[in-house]
Amino acid sequence: MQSIQDDYNTQRSPLTIAEYGRTVQEYVTHIQSLPEKEERTQMGASIGKYNGNT
């Protein structure tokens, strides 16, 4: 029988900033991989708006 959830937090890398959660951290990791600086800047600003920091 296969488990519904195959991805457990104990098997994932530790959160850098736990207050923001795993989804935001994964988004930041994706943004860091983008080749264009302008695109990274725009996406980074959207994280700030999402979190209500700007």
C-alpha atoms as a PDB file:
ATOM      1  CA  MET A   1       0.000   0.000   0.000  1.00  0.00           C
ATOM      2  CA  GLN A   2       1.407   3.384  -1.024  1.00  0.00           C
ATOM      3  CA  SER A   3       1.301   6.278   1.406  1.00  0.00           C
ATOM      4  CA  ILE A   4      -0.712   9.358   0.420  1.00  0.00           C
ATOM      5  CA  GLN A   5       2.151  11.620   1.492  1.00  0.00           C
ATOM      6  CA  ASP A   6       5.568  10.457   0.300  1.00  0.00           C
ATOM      7  CA  ASP A   7       7.360  13.705   1.163  1.00  0.00           C
ATOM      8  CA  TYR A   8       7.819  14.257   4.898  1.00  0.00           C
ATOM      9  CA  ASN A   9       9.318  17.394   6.465  1.00  0.00           C
ATOM     10  CA  THR A  10      11.828  15.226   8.321  1.00  0.00           C
ATOM     11  CA  GLN A  11      13.238  14.154   4.939  1.00  0.00           C
ATOM     12  CA  ARG A  12      13.494  17.712   3.574  1.00  0.00           C
ATOM     13  CA  SER A  13      16.295  20.215   4.015  1.00  0.00           C
ATOM     14  CA  PRO A  14      15.911  22.476   7.073  1.00  0.00           C
ATOM     15  CA  LEU A  15      14.103  25.783   6.647  1.00  0.00           C
ATOM     16  CA  THR A  16      16.367  28.826   6.481  1.00  0.00           C
ATOM     17  CA  ILE A  17      13.713  31.152   7.915  1.00  0.00           C
ATOM     18  CA  ALA A  18      10.985  29.043   9.500  1.00  0.00           C
ATOM     19  CA  GLU A  19       8.618  31.994   9.972  1.00  0.00           C
ATOM     20  CA  TYR A  20       7.975  32.181   6.218  1.00  0.00           C
ATOM     21  CA  GLY A  21       7.371  28.493   5.661  1.00  0.00           C
ATOM     22  CA  ARG A  22       8.485  25.967   3.102  1.00  0.00           C
ATOM     23  CA  THR A  23       6.471  27.350   0.189  1.00  0.00           C
ATOM     24  CA  VAL A  24       8.139  30.760   0.388  1.00  0.00           C
ATOM     25  CA  GLN A  25      11.566  29.151   0.781  1.00  0.00           C
ATOM     26  CA  GLU A  26      10.998  27.020  -2.323  1.00  0.00           C
ATOM     27  CA  TYR A  27       9.904  30.145  -4.200  1.00  0.00           C
ATOM     28  CA  VAL A  28      13.087  31.977  -3.143  1.00  0.00           C
ATOM     29  CA  THR A  29      15.211  29.021  -4.231  1.00  0.00           C
ATOM     30  CA  HIS A  30      13.512  29.107  -7.620  1.00  0.00           C
ATOM     31  CA  ILE A  31      14.080  32.853  -7.936  1.00  0.00           C
ATOM     32  CA  GLN A  32      17.786  32.407  -7.165  1.00  0.00           C
ATOM     33  CA  SER A  33      18.057  30.012 -10.101  1.00  0.00           C
ATOM     34  CA  LEU A  34      16.678  32.530 -12.627  1.00  0.00           C
ATOM     35  CA  PRO A  35      19.356  33.781 -15.043  1.00  0.00           C
ATOM     36  CA  GLU A  36      18.080  37.342 -15.572  1.00  0.00           C
ATOM     37  CA  LYS A  37      18.706  39.868 -12.788  1.00  0.00           C
ATOM     38  CA  GLU A  38      15.666  41.948 -13.755  1.00  0.00           C
ATOM     39  CA  GLU A  39      13.393  38.923 -13.462  1.00  0.00           C
ATOM     40  CA  ARG A  40      14.920  37.944 -10.079  1.00  0.00           C
ATOM     41  CA  THR A  41      14.388  41.491  -8.806  1.00  0.00           C
ATOM     42  CA  GLN A  42      10.771  41.573  -9.946  1.00  0.00           C
ATOM     43  CA  MET A  43      10.001  38.157  -8.444  1.00  0.00           C
ATOM     44  CA  GLY A  44      11.802  39.050  -5.208  1.00  0.00           C
ATOM     45  CA  ALA A  45       9.658  42.165  -4.866  1.00  0.00           C
ATOM     46  CA  SER A  46       6.565  40.013  -5.274  1.00  0.00           C
ATOM     47  CA  ILE A  47       7.627  37.944  -2.251  1.00  0.00           C
ATOM     48  CA  GLY A  48       7.766  41.127  -0.191  1.00  0.00           C
ATOM     49  CA  LYS A  49       4.290  42.105  -1.318  1.00  0.00           C
ATOM     50  CA  TYR A  50       3.013  38.599  -0.614  1.00  0.00           C
ATOM     51  CA  ASN A  51       4.345  38.744   2.942  1.00  0.00           C
ATOM     52  CA  GLY A  52       3.078  42.294   3.468  1.00  0.00           C
ATOM     53  CA  ASN A  53       6.549  43.713   4.055  1.00  0.00           C
ATOM     54  CA  THR A  54       6.419  46.458   1.428  1.00  0.00           C
END
